[in-house]
Amino acid sequence: MMMHKKDILDFIRRYDENFGLQDNIYYATKAFKTNSVINYLGELKDNDVLDYEEAEQIFELLVKYLRNEADVIWDRDRVMFRMLKGDKANAEAEEN
């Protein structure tokens, strides 16, 4: 399951206030990490190991990343989110 580039950019545009488009050039500093997380979820789905509650939590944290409330950190085959504002607890999603 791969999302089309346009769909990923639309997702980023919806939540990232720094997203921009000028003269057919996209300014999306969070596109690489966002795309990598979405591809990670796609790989889990393709391998029939996607937990939909986990995927929902990851998308919620991805929105926090786009809103500058969290950071995405990769550790081997795990995606982790470090909260930047408010709650200092780390949120983590591991591959099953």
PDB file of N, CA and C in Angstrom:
ATOM      1  N   MET A   1       0.849  -1.174   0.000  1.00  0.00           N
ATOM      2  CA  MET A   1       0.000   0.000   0.000  1.00  0.00           C
ATOM      3  C   MET A   1       0.896   1.239   0.000  1.00  0.00           C
ATOM      4  N   MET A   2       0.926   1.917  -1.075  1.00  0.00           N
ATOM      5  CA  MET A   2       1.696   3.153  -1.164  1.00  0.00           C
ATOM      6  C   MET A   2       0.717   4.293  -1.424  1.00  0.00           C
ATOM      7  N   MET A   3       0.860   5.360  -0.670  1.00  0.00           N
ATOM      8  CA  MET A   3       0.040   6.537  -0.928  1.00  0.00           C
ATOM      9  C   MET A   3       0.694   7.331  -2.041  1.00  0.00           C
ATOM     10  N   HIS A   4      -0.122   7.933  -2.847  1.00  0.00           N
ATOM     11  CA  HIS A   4       0.397   8.784  -3.911  1.00  0.00           C
ATOM     12  C   HIS A   4       1.014  10.042  -3.306  1.00  0.00           C
ATOM     13  N   LYS A   5       2.026  10.559  -3.974  1.00  0.00           N
ATOM     14  CA  LYS A   5       2.729  11.749  -3.498  1.00  0.00           C
ATOM     15  C   LYS A   5       1.743  12.901  -3.250  1.00  0.00           C
ATOM     16  N   LYS A   6       0.789  13.066  -4.140  1.00  0.00           N
ATOM     17  CA  LYS A   6      -0.191  14.148  -3.985  1.00  0.00           C
ATOM     18  C   LYS A   6      -0.992  13.985  -2.692  1.00  0.00           C
ATOM     19  N   ASP A   7      -1.387  12.758  -2.371  1.00  0.00           N
ATOM     20  CA  ASP A   7      -2.148  12.510  -1.145  1.00  0.00           C
ATOM     21  C   ASP A   7      -1.319  12.812   0.095  1.00  0.00           C
ATOM     22  N   ILE A   8      -0.037  12.458   0.062  1.00  0.00           N
ATOM     23  CA  ILE A   8       0.842  12.736   1.196  1.00  0.00           C
ATOM     24  C   ILE A   8       1.022  14.242   1.353  1.00  0.00           C
ATOM     25  N   LEU A   9       1.221  14.940   0.250  1.00  0.00           N
ATOM     26  CA  LEU A   9       1.371  16.398   0.314  1.00  0.00           C
ATOM     27  C   LEU A   9       0.086  17.064   0.804  1.00  0.00           C
ATOM     28  N   ASP A  10      -1.073  16.555   0.389  1.00  0.00           N
ATOM     29  CA  ASP A  10      -2.350  17.090   0.872  1.00  0.00           C
ATOM     30  C   ASP A  10      -2.480  16.884   2.383  1.00  0.00           C
ATOM     31  N   PHE A  11      -2.050  15.713   2.864  1.00  0.00           N
ATOM     32  CA  PHE A  11      -2.077  15.420   4.295  1.00  0.00           C
ATOM     33  C   PHE A  11      -1.181  16.400   5.047  1.00  0.00           C
ATOM     34  N   ILE A  12       0.023  16.617   4.541  1.00  0.00           N
ATOM     35  CA  ILE A  12       0.956  17.553   5.180  1.00  0.00           C
ATOM     36  C   ILE A  12       0.390  18.968   5.164  1.00  0.00           C
ATOM     37  N   ARG A  13      -0.144  19.382   4.021  1.00  0.00           N
ATOM     38  CA  ARG A  13      -0.712  20.729   3.874  1.00  0.00           C
ATOM     39  C   ARG A  13      -1.804  20.985   4.906  1.00  0.00           C
ATOM     40  N   ARG A  14      -2.576  19.965   5.201  1.00  0.00           N
ATOM     41  CA  ARG A  14      -3.697  20.111   6.127  1.00  0.00           C
ATOM     42  C   ARG A  14      -3.239  20.486   7.540  1.00  0.00           C
ATOM     43  N   TYR A  15      -2.071  19.965   7.964  1.00  0.00           N
ATOM     44  CA  TYR A  15      -1.659  20.132   9.361  1.00  0.00           C
ATOM     45  C   TYR A  15      -0.390  20.957   9.575  1.00  0.00           C
ATOM     46  N   ASP A  16       0.443  21.137   8.563  1.00  0.00           N
ATOM     47  CA  ASP A  16       1.726  21.833   8.735  1.00  0.00           C
ATOM     48  C   ASP A  16       1.586  23.283   8.283  1.00  0.00           C
ATOM     49  N   GLU A  17       1.643  24.196   9.235  1.00  0.00           N
ATOM     50  CA  GLU A  17       1.465  25.617   8.904  1.00  0.00           C
ATOM     51  C   GLU A  17       2.643  26.175   8.106  1.00  0.00           C
ATOM     52  N   ASN A  18       3.767  25.473   8.069  1.00  0.00           N
ATOM     53  CA  ASN A  18       4.932  25.936   7.315  1.00  0.00           C
ATOM     54  C   ASN A  18       4.967  25.404   5.885  1.00  0.00           C
ATOM     55  N   PHE A  19       3.999  24.587   5.513  1.00  0.00           N
ATOM     56  CA  PHE A  19       3.927  24.047   4.164  1.00  0.00           C
ATOM     57  C   PHE A  19       3.671  25.177   3.172  1.00  0.00           C
ATOM     58  N   GLY A  20       4.361  25.125   2.044  1.00  0.00           N
ATOM     59  CA  GLY A  20       4.140  26.155   1.042  1.00  0.00           C
ATOM     60  C   GLY A  20       4.378  25.645  -0.367  1.00  0.00           C
ATOM     61  N   LEU A  21       3.816  26.343  -1.320  1.00  0.00           N
ATOM     62  CA  LEU A  21       3.992  26.042  -2.739  1.00  0.00           C
ATOM     63  C   LEU A  21       4.197  27.364  -3.459  1.00  0.00           C
ATOM     64  N   GLN A  22       5.314  27.450  -4.150  1.00  0.00           N
ATOM     65  CA  GLN A  22       5.607  28.675  -4.891  1.00  0.00           C
ATOM     66  C   GLN A  22       6.316  28.285  -6.184  1.00  0.00           C
ATOM     67  N   ASP A  23       5.777  28.740  -7.313  1.00  0.00           N
ATOM     68  CA  ASP A  23       6.363  28.456  -8.625  1.00  0.00           C
ATOM     69  C   ASP A  23       6.603  26.960  -8.823  1.00  0.00           C
ATOM     70  N   ASN A  24       5.607  26.143  -8.489  1.00  0.00           N
ATOM     71  CA  ASN A  24       5.670  24.681  -8.626  1.00  0.00           C
ATOM     72  C   ASN A  24       6.743  24.036  -7.757  1.00  0.00           C
ATOM     73  N   ILE A  25       7.190  24.722  -6.719  1.00  0.00           N
ATOM     74  CA  ILE A  25       8.151  24.163  -5.772  1.00  0.00           C
ATOM     75  C   ILE A  25       7.446  24.024  -4.429  1.00  0.00           C
ATOM     76  N   TYR A  26       7.465  22.801  -3.895  1.00  0.00           N
ATOM     77  CA  TYR A  26       6.871  22.545  -2.591  1.00  0.00           C
ATOM     78  C   TYR A  26       7.888  22.845  -1.502  1.00  0.00           C
ATOM     79  N   TYR A  27       7.446  23.530  -0.463  1.00  0.00           N
ATOM     80  CA  TYR A  27       8.244  23.768   0.723  1.00  0.00           C
ATOM     81  C   TYR A  27       7.592  22.976   1.851  1.00  0.00           C
ATOM     82  N   ALA A  28       8.114  21.791   2.065  1.00  0.00           N
ATOM     83  CA  ALA A  28       7.526  20.874   3.037  1.00  0.00           C
ATOM     84  C   ALA A  28       8.666  20.200   3.797  1.00  0.00           C
ATOM     85  N   THR A  29       9.153  20.862   4.819  1.00  0.00           N
ATOM     86  CA  THR A  29      10.313  20.354   5.546  1.00  0.00           C
ATOM     87  C   THR A  29      10.029  19.046   6.270  1.00  0.00           C
ATOM     88  N   LYS A  30       8.764  18.742   6.478  1.00  0.00           N
ATOM     89  CA  LYS A  30       8.412  17.523   7.209  1.00  0.00           C
ATOM     90  C   LYS A  30       7.982  16.392   6.282  1.00  0.00           C
ATOM     91  N   ALA A  31       8.156  16.568   4.988  1.00  0.00           N
ATOM     92  CA  ALA A  31       7.682  15.576   4.022  1.00  0.00           C
ATOM     93  C   ALA A  31       8.436  14.252   4.127  1.00  0.00           C
ATOM     94  N   PHE A  32       9.745  14.296   4.322  1.00  0.00           N
ATOM     95  CA  PHE A  32      10.524  13.058   4.336  1.00  0.00           C
ATOM     96  C   PHE A  32      10.094  12.139   5.479  1.00  0.00           C
ATOM     97  N   LYS A  33      10.053  12.681   6.701  1.00  0.00           N
ATOM     98  CA  LYS A  33       9.664  11.847   7.844  1.00  0.00           C
ATOM     99  C   LYS A  33       8.208  11.418   7.751  1.00  0.00           C
ATOM    100  N   THR A  34       7.349  12.315   7.286  1.00  0.00           N
ATOM    101  CA  THR A  34       5.932  11.960   7.131  1.00  0.00           C
ATOM    102  C   THR A  34       5.782  10.821   6.138  1.00  0.00           C
ATOM    103  N   ASN A  35       6.444  10.919   5.010  1.00  0.00           N
ATOM    104  CA  ASN A  35       6.393   9.870   3.994  1.00  0.00           C
ATOM    105  C   ASN A  35       6.947   8.552   4.549  1.00  0.00           C
ATOM    106  N   SER A  36       8.023   8.624   5.320  1.00  0.00           N
ATOM    107  CA  SER A  36       8.608   7.394   5.854  1.00  0.00           C
ATOM    108  C   SER A  36       7.666   6.700   6.831  1.00  0.00           C
ATOM    109  N   VAL A  37       6.948   7.461   7.653  1.00  0.00           N
ATOM    110  CA  VAL A  37       5.996   6.866   8.593  1.00  0.00           C
ATOM    111  C   VAL A  37       4.821   6.249   7.829  1.00  0.00           C
ATOM    112  N   ILE A  38       4.318   6.932   6.829  1.00  0.00           N
ATOM    113  CA  ILE A  38       3.210   6.400   6.037  1.00  0.00           C
ATOM    114  C   ILE A  38       3.644   5.132   5.300  1.00  0.00           C
ATOM    115  N   ASN A  39       4.855   5.120   4.770  1.00  0.00           N
ATOM    116  CA  ASN A  39       5.365   3.908   4.114  1.00  0.00           C
ATOM    117  C   ASN A  39       5.544   2.766   5.110  1.00  0.00           C
ATOM    118  N   TYR A  40       5.971   3.091   6.328  1.00  0.00           N
ATOM    119  CA  TYR A  40       6.096   2.090   7.397  1.00  0.00           C
ATOM    120  C   TYR A  40       4.746   1.427   7.645  1.00  0.00           C
ATOM    121  N   LEU A  41       3.696   2.221   7.774  1.00  0.00           N
ATOM    122  CA  LEU A  41       2.358   1.667   7.981  1.00  0.00           C
ATOM    123  C   LEU A  41       1.933   0.815   6.784  1.00  0.00           C
ATOM    124  N   GLY A  42       2.278   1.260   5.575  1.00  0.00           N
ATOM    125  CA  GLY A  42       1.958   0.490   4.377  1.00  0.00           C
ATOM    126  C   GLY A  42       2.646  -0.856   4.364  1.00  0.00           C
ATOM    127  N   GLU A  43       3.903  -0.886   4.801  1.00  0.00           N
ATOM    128  CA  GLU A  43       4.633  -2.160   4.867  1.00  0.00           C
ATOM    129  C   GLU A  43       3.998  -3.093   5.888  1.00  0.00           C
ATOM    130  N   LEU A  44       3.584  -2.559   7.036  1.00  0.00           N
ATOM    131  CA  LEU A  44       2.907  -3.392   8.031  1.00  0.00           C
ATOM    132  C   LEU A  44       1.626  -3.973   7.463  1.00  0.00           C
ATOM    133  N   LYS A  45       0.875  -3.151   6.729  1.00  0.00           N
ATOM    134  CA  LYS A  45      -0.368  -3.633   6.120  1.00  0.00           C
ATOM    135  C   LYS A  45      -0.080  -4.689   5.068  1.00  0.00           C
ATOM    136  N   ASP A  46       0.911  -4.447   4.225  1.00  0.00           N
ATOM    137  CA  ASP A  46       1.263  -5.415   3.182  1.00  0.00           C
ATOM    138  C   ASP A  46       1.704  -6.749   3.767  1.00  0.00           C
ATOM    139  N   ASN A  47       2.311  -6.713   4.958  1.00  0.00           N
ATOM    140  CA  ASN A  47       2.775  -7.943   5.618  1.00  0.00           C
ATOM    141  C   ASN A  47       1.731  -8.522   6.567  1.00  0.00           C
ATOM    142  N   ASP A  48       0.516  -7.979   6.533  1.00  0.00           N
ATOM    143  CA  ASP A  48      -0.603  -8.433   7.368  1.00  0.00           C
ATOM    144  C   ASP A  48      -0.295  -8.408   8.858  1.00  0.00           C
ATOM    145  N   VAL A  49       0.462  -7.407   9.307  1.00  0.00           N
ATOM    146  CA  VAL A  49       0.758  -7.272  10.734  1.00  0.00           C
ATOM    147  C   VAL A  49       0.347  -5.899  11.266  1.00  0.00           C
ATOM    148  N   LEU A  50      -0.496  -5.202  10.518  1.00  0.00           N
ATOM    149  CA  LEU A  50      -0.925  -3.871  10.933  1.00  0.00           C
ATOM    150  C   LEU A  50      -2.038  -3.986  11.958  1.00  0.00           C
ATOM    151  N   ASP A  51      -1.819  -3.401  13.112  1.00  0.00           N
ATOM    152  CA  ASP A  51      -2.832  -3.282  14.144  1.00  0.00           C
ATOM    153  C   ASP A  51      -3.506  -1.931  13.930  1.00  0.00           C
ATOM    154  N   TYR A  52      -4.792  -1.929  13.659  1.00  0.00           N
ATOM    155  CA  TYR A  52      -5.463  -0.688  13.285  1.00  0.00           C
ATOM    156  C   TYR A  52      -5.534   0.318  14.426  1.00  0.00           C
ATOM    157  N   GLU A  53      -5.584  -0.136  15.666  1.00  0.00           N
ATOM    158  CA  GLU A  53      -5.537   0.800  16.793  1.00  0.00           C
ATOM    159  C   GLU A  53      -4.165   1.455  16.858  1.00  0.00           C
ATOM    160  N   GLU A  54      -3.121   0.670  16.617  1.00  0.00           N
ATOM    161  CA  GLU A  54      -1.768   1.218  16.587  1.00  0.00           C
ATOM    162  C   GLU A  54      -1.624   2.215  15.435  1.00  0.00           C
ATOM    163  N   ALA A  55      -2.170   1.883  14.271  1.00  0.00           N
ATOM    164  CA  ALA A  55      -2.097   2.779  13.111  1.00  0.00           C
ATOM    165  C   ALA A  55      -2.810   4.090  13.405  1.00  0.00           C
ATOM    166  N   GLU A  56      -3.954   4.022  14.065  1.00  0.00           N
ATOM    167  CA  GLU A  56      -4.690   5.241  14.431  1.00  0.00           C
ATOM    168  C   GLU A  56      -3.857   6.103  15.375  1.00  0.00           C
ATOM    169  N   GLN A  57      -3.203   5.462  16.346  1.00  0.00           N
ATOM    170  CA  GLN A  57      -2.359   6.196  17.280  1.00  0.00           C
ATOM    171  C   GLN A  57      -1.178   6.831  16.542  1.00  0.00           C
ATOM    172  N   ILE A  58      -0.579   6.106  15.615  1.00  0.00           N
ATOM    173  CA  ILE A  58       0.552   6.637  14.858  1.00  0.00           C
ATOM    174  C   ILE A  58       0.117   7.840  14.032  1.00  0.00           C
ATOM    175  N   PHE A  59      -1.056   7.759  13.380  1.00  0.00           N
ATOM    176  CA  PHE A  59      -1.536   8.912  12.603  1.00  0.00           C
ATOM    177  C   PHE A  59      -1.811  10.111  13.498  1.00  0.00           C
ATOM    178  N   GLU A  60      -2.361   9.880  14.692  1.00  0.00           N
ATOM    179  CA  GLU A  60      -2.584  10.989  15.622  1.00  0.00           C
ATOM    180  C   GLU A  60      -1.260  11.638  16.017  1.00  0.00           C
ATOM    181  N   LEU A  61      -0.236  10.818  16.251  1.00  0.00           N
ATOM    182  CA  LEU A  61       1.074  11.350  16.605  1.00  0.00           C
ATOM    183  C   LEU A  61       1.741  12.020  15.410  1.00  0.00           C
ATOM    184  N   LEU A  62       1.475  11.516  14.217  1.00  0.00           N
ATOM    185  CA  LEU A  62       2.010  12.145  13.010  1.00  0.00           C
ATOM    186  C   LEU A  62       1.432  13.552  12.837  1.00  0.00           C
ATOM    187  N   VAL A  63       0.159  13.716  13.147  1.00  0.00           N
ATOM    188  CA  VAL A  63      -0.451  15.044  13.113  1.00  0.00           C
ATOM    189  C   VAL A  63       0.231  15.952  14.131  1.00  0.00           C
ATOM    190  N   LYS A  64       0.528  15.426  15.323  1.00  0.00           N
ATOM    191  CA  LYS A  64       1.257  16.221  16.329  1.00  0.00           C
ATOM    192  C   LYS A  64       2.633  16.605  15.802  1.00  0.00           C
ATOM    193  N   TYR A  65       3.289  15.713  15.069  1.00  0.00           N
ATOM    194  CA  TYR A  65       4.582  16.034  14.458  1.00  0.00           C
ATOM    195  C   TYR A  65       4.423  17.200  13.482  1.00  0.00           C
ATOM    196  N   LEU A  66       3.404  17.142  12.642  1.00  0.00           N
ATOM    197  CA  LEU A  66       3.186  18.202  11.660  1.00  0.00           C
ATOM    198  C   LEU A  66       2.827  19.530  12.314  1.00  0.00           C
ATOM    199  N   ARG A  67       2.272  19.462  13.511  1.00  0.00           N
ATOM    200  CA  ARG A  67       1.912  20.679  14.253  1.00  0.00           C
ATOM    201  C   ARG A  67       3.017  21.131  15.210  1.00  0.00           C
ATOM    202  N   ASN A  68       4.210  20.556  15.064  1.00  0.00           N
ATOM    203  CA  ASN A  68       5.369  20.893  15.906  1.00  0.00           C
ATOM    204  C   ASN A  68       5.165  20.551  17.374  1.00  0.00           C
ATOM    205  N   GLU A  69       4.365  19.546  17.650  1.00  0.00           N
ATOM    206  CA  GLU A  69       4.142  19.114  19.019  1.00  0.00           C
ATOM    207  C   GLU A  69       4.926  17.853  19.350  1.00  0.00           C
ATOM    208  N   ALA A  70       5.516  17.216  18.335  1.00  0.00           N
ATOM    209  CA  ALA A  70       6.259  15.969  18.531  1.00  0.00           C
ATOM    210  C   ALA A  70       7.331  15.872  17.457  1.00  0.00           C
ATOM    211  N   ASP A  71       8.267  14.962  17.672  1.00  0.00           N
ATOM    212  CA  ASP A  71       9.282  14.676  16.658  1.00  0.00           C
ATOM    213  C   ASP A  71       9.226  13.192  16.343  1.00  0.00           C
ATOM    214  N   VAL A  72       9.578  12.841  15.130  1.00  0.00           N
ATOM    215  CA  VAL A  72       9.630  11.452  14.699  1.00  0.00           C
ATOM    216  C   VAL A  72      11.072  10.985  14.816  1.00  0.00           C
ATOM    217  N   ILE A  73      11.246   9.849  15.465  1.00  0.00           N
ATOM    218  CA  ILE A  73      12.572   9.272  15.632  1.00  0.00           C
ATOM    219  C   ILE A  73      12.513   7.815  15.181  1.00  0.00           C
ATOM    220  N   TRP A  74      13.469   7.436  14.353  1.00  0.00           N
ATOM    221  CA  TRP A  74      13.557   6.043  13.917  1.00  0.00           C
ATOM    222  C   TRP A  74      14.629   5.343  14.739  1.00  0.00           C
ATOM    223  N   ASP A  75      14.294   4.177  15.259  1.00  0.00           N
ATOM    224  CA  ASP A  75      15.242   3.340  15.993  1.00  0.00           C
ATOM    225  C   ASP A  75      15.108   1.930  15.447  1.00  0.00           C
ATOM    226  N   ARG A  76      16.056   1.575  14.598  1.00  0.00           N
ATOM    227  CA  ARG A  76      16.034   0.307  13.868  1.00  0.00           C
ATOM    228  C   ARG A  76      14.736   0.224  13.077  1.00  0.00           C
ATOM    229  N   ASP A  77      13.903  -0.748  13.369  1.00  0.00           N
ATOM    230  CA  ASP A  77      12.652  -0.907  12.618  1.00  0.00           C
ATOM    231  C   ASP A  77      11.452  -0.366  13.374  1.00  0.00           C
ATOM    232  N   ARG A  78      11.695   0.560  14.293  1.00  0.00           N
ATOM    233  CA  ARG A  78      10.599   1.130  15.083  1.00  0.00           C
ATOM    234  C   ARG A  78      10.492   2.614  14.816  1.00  0.00           C
ATOM    235  N   VAL A  79       9.270   3.083  14.775  1.00  0.00           N
ATOM    236  CA  VAL A  79       9.039   4.519  14.698  1.00  0.00           C
ATOM    237  C   VAL A  79       8.624   4.957  16.102  1.00  0.00           C
ATOM    238  N   MET A  80       9.249   6.032  16.558  1.00  0.00           N
ATOM    239  CA  MET A  80       8.946   6.557  17.883  1.00  0.00           C
ATOM    240  C   MET A  80       8.646   8.041  17.748  1.00  0.00           C
ATOM    241  N   PHE A  81       7.857   8.543  18.649  1.00  0.00           N
ATOM    242  CA  PHE A  81       7.507   9.958  18.662  1.00  0.00           C
ATOM    243  C   PHE A  81       7.902  10.537  20.014  1.00  0.00           C
ATOM    244  N   ARG A  82       8.638  11.615  19.987  1.00  0.00           N
ATOM    245  CA  ARG A  82       9.033  12.324  21.210  1.00  0.00           C
ATOM    246  C   ARG A  82       8.201  13.591  21.281  1.00  0.00           C
ATOM    247  N   MET A  83       7.460  13.733  22.375  1.00  0.00           N
ATOM    248  CA  MET A  83       6.600  14.896  22.538  1.00  0.00           C
ATOM    249  C   MET A  83       7.462  16.116  22.824  1.00  0.00           C
ATOM    250  N   LEU A  84       7.148  17.244  22.179  1.00  0.00           N
ATOM    251  CA  LEU A  84       7.927  18.466  22.330  1.00  0.00           C
ATOM    252  C   LEU A  84       7.250  19.483  23.231  1.00  0.00           C
ATOM    253  N   LYS A  85       5.930  19.437  23.326  1.00  0.00           N
ATOM    254  CA  LYS A  85       5.183  20.399  24.134  1.00  0.00           C
ATOM    255  C   LYS A  85       4.297  19.647  25.111  1.00  0.00           C
ATOM    256  N   GLY A  86       4.021  20.249  26.230  1.00  0.00           N
ATOM    257  CA  GLY A  86       3.073  19.665  27.178  1.00  0.00           C
ATOM    258  C   GLY A  86       3.620  18.418  27.826  1.00  0.00           C
ATOM    259  N   ASP A  87       2.935  17.303  27.642  1.00  0.00           N
ATOM    260  CA  ASP A  87       3.298  16.040  28.257  1.00  0.00           C
ATOM    261  C   ASP A  87       4.694  15.599  27.814  1.00  0.00           C
ATOM    262  N   LYS A  88       5.551  15.316  28.770  1.00  0.00           N
ATOM    263  CA  LYS A  88       6.930  14.937  28.466  1.00  0.00           C
ATOM    264  C   LYS A  88       7.071  13.448  28.148  1.00  0.00           C
ATOM    265  N   ALA A  89       5.997  12.681  28.291  1.00  0.00           N
ATOM    266  CA  ALA A  89       6.077  11.245  28.044  1.00  0.00           C
ATOM    267  C   ALA A  89       6.323  10.969  26.571  1.00  0.00           C
ATOM    268  N   ASN A  90       7.074   9.946  26.297  1.00  0.00           N
ATOM    269  CA  ASN A  90       7.313   9.516  24.926  1.00  0.00           C
ATOM    270  C   ASN A  90       6.235   8.558  24.500  1.00  0.00           C
ATOM    271  N   ALA A  91       5.814   8.675  23.269  1.00  0.00           N
ATOM    272  CA  ALA A  91       4.868   7.742  22.684  1.00  0.00           C
ATOM    273  C   ALA A  91       5.632   6.883  21.701  1.00  0.00           C
ATOM    274  N   GLU A  92       5.346   5.614  21.689  1.00  0.00           N
ATOM    275  CA  GLU A  92       6.125   4.704  20.870  1.00  0.00           C
ATOM    276  C   GLU A  92       5.218   3.679  20.215  1.00  0.00           C
ATOM    277  N   ALA A  93       5.528   3.332  18.993  1.00  0.00           N
ATOM    278  CA  ALA A  93       4.823   2.265  18.287  1.00  0.00           C
ATOM    279  C   ALA A  93       5.877   1.302  17.775  1.00  0.00           C
ATOM    280  N   GLU A  94       5.739   0.043  18.124  1.00  0.00           N
ATOM    281  CA  GLU A  94       6.722  -0.939  17.715  1.00  0.00           C
ATOM    282  C   GLU A  94       6.118  -1.877  16.682  1.00  0.00           C
ATOM    283  N   GLU A  95       6.972  -2.368  15.826  1.00  0.00           N
ATOM    284  CA  GLU A  95       6.556  -3.369  14.851  1.00  0.00           C
ATOM    285  C   GLU A  95       6.311  -4.659  15.608  1.00  0.00           C
ATOM    286  N   ASN A  96       5.166  -5.320  15.329  1.00  0.00           N
ATOM    287  CA  ASN A  96       4.820  -6.578  16.018  1.00  0.00           C
ATOM    288  C   ASN A  96       5.645  -7.721  15.541  1.00  0.00           C
TER     289      ASN A  96
END
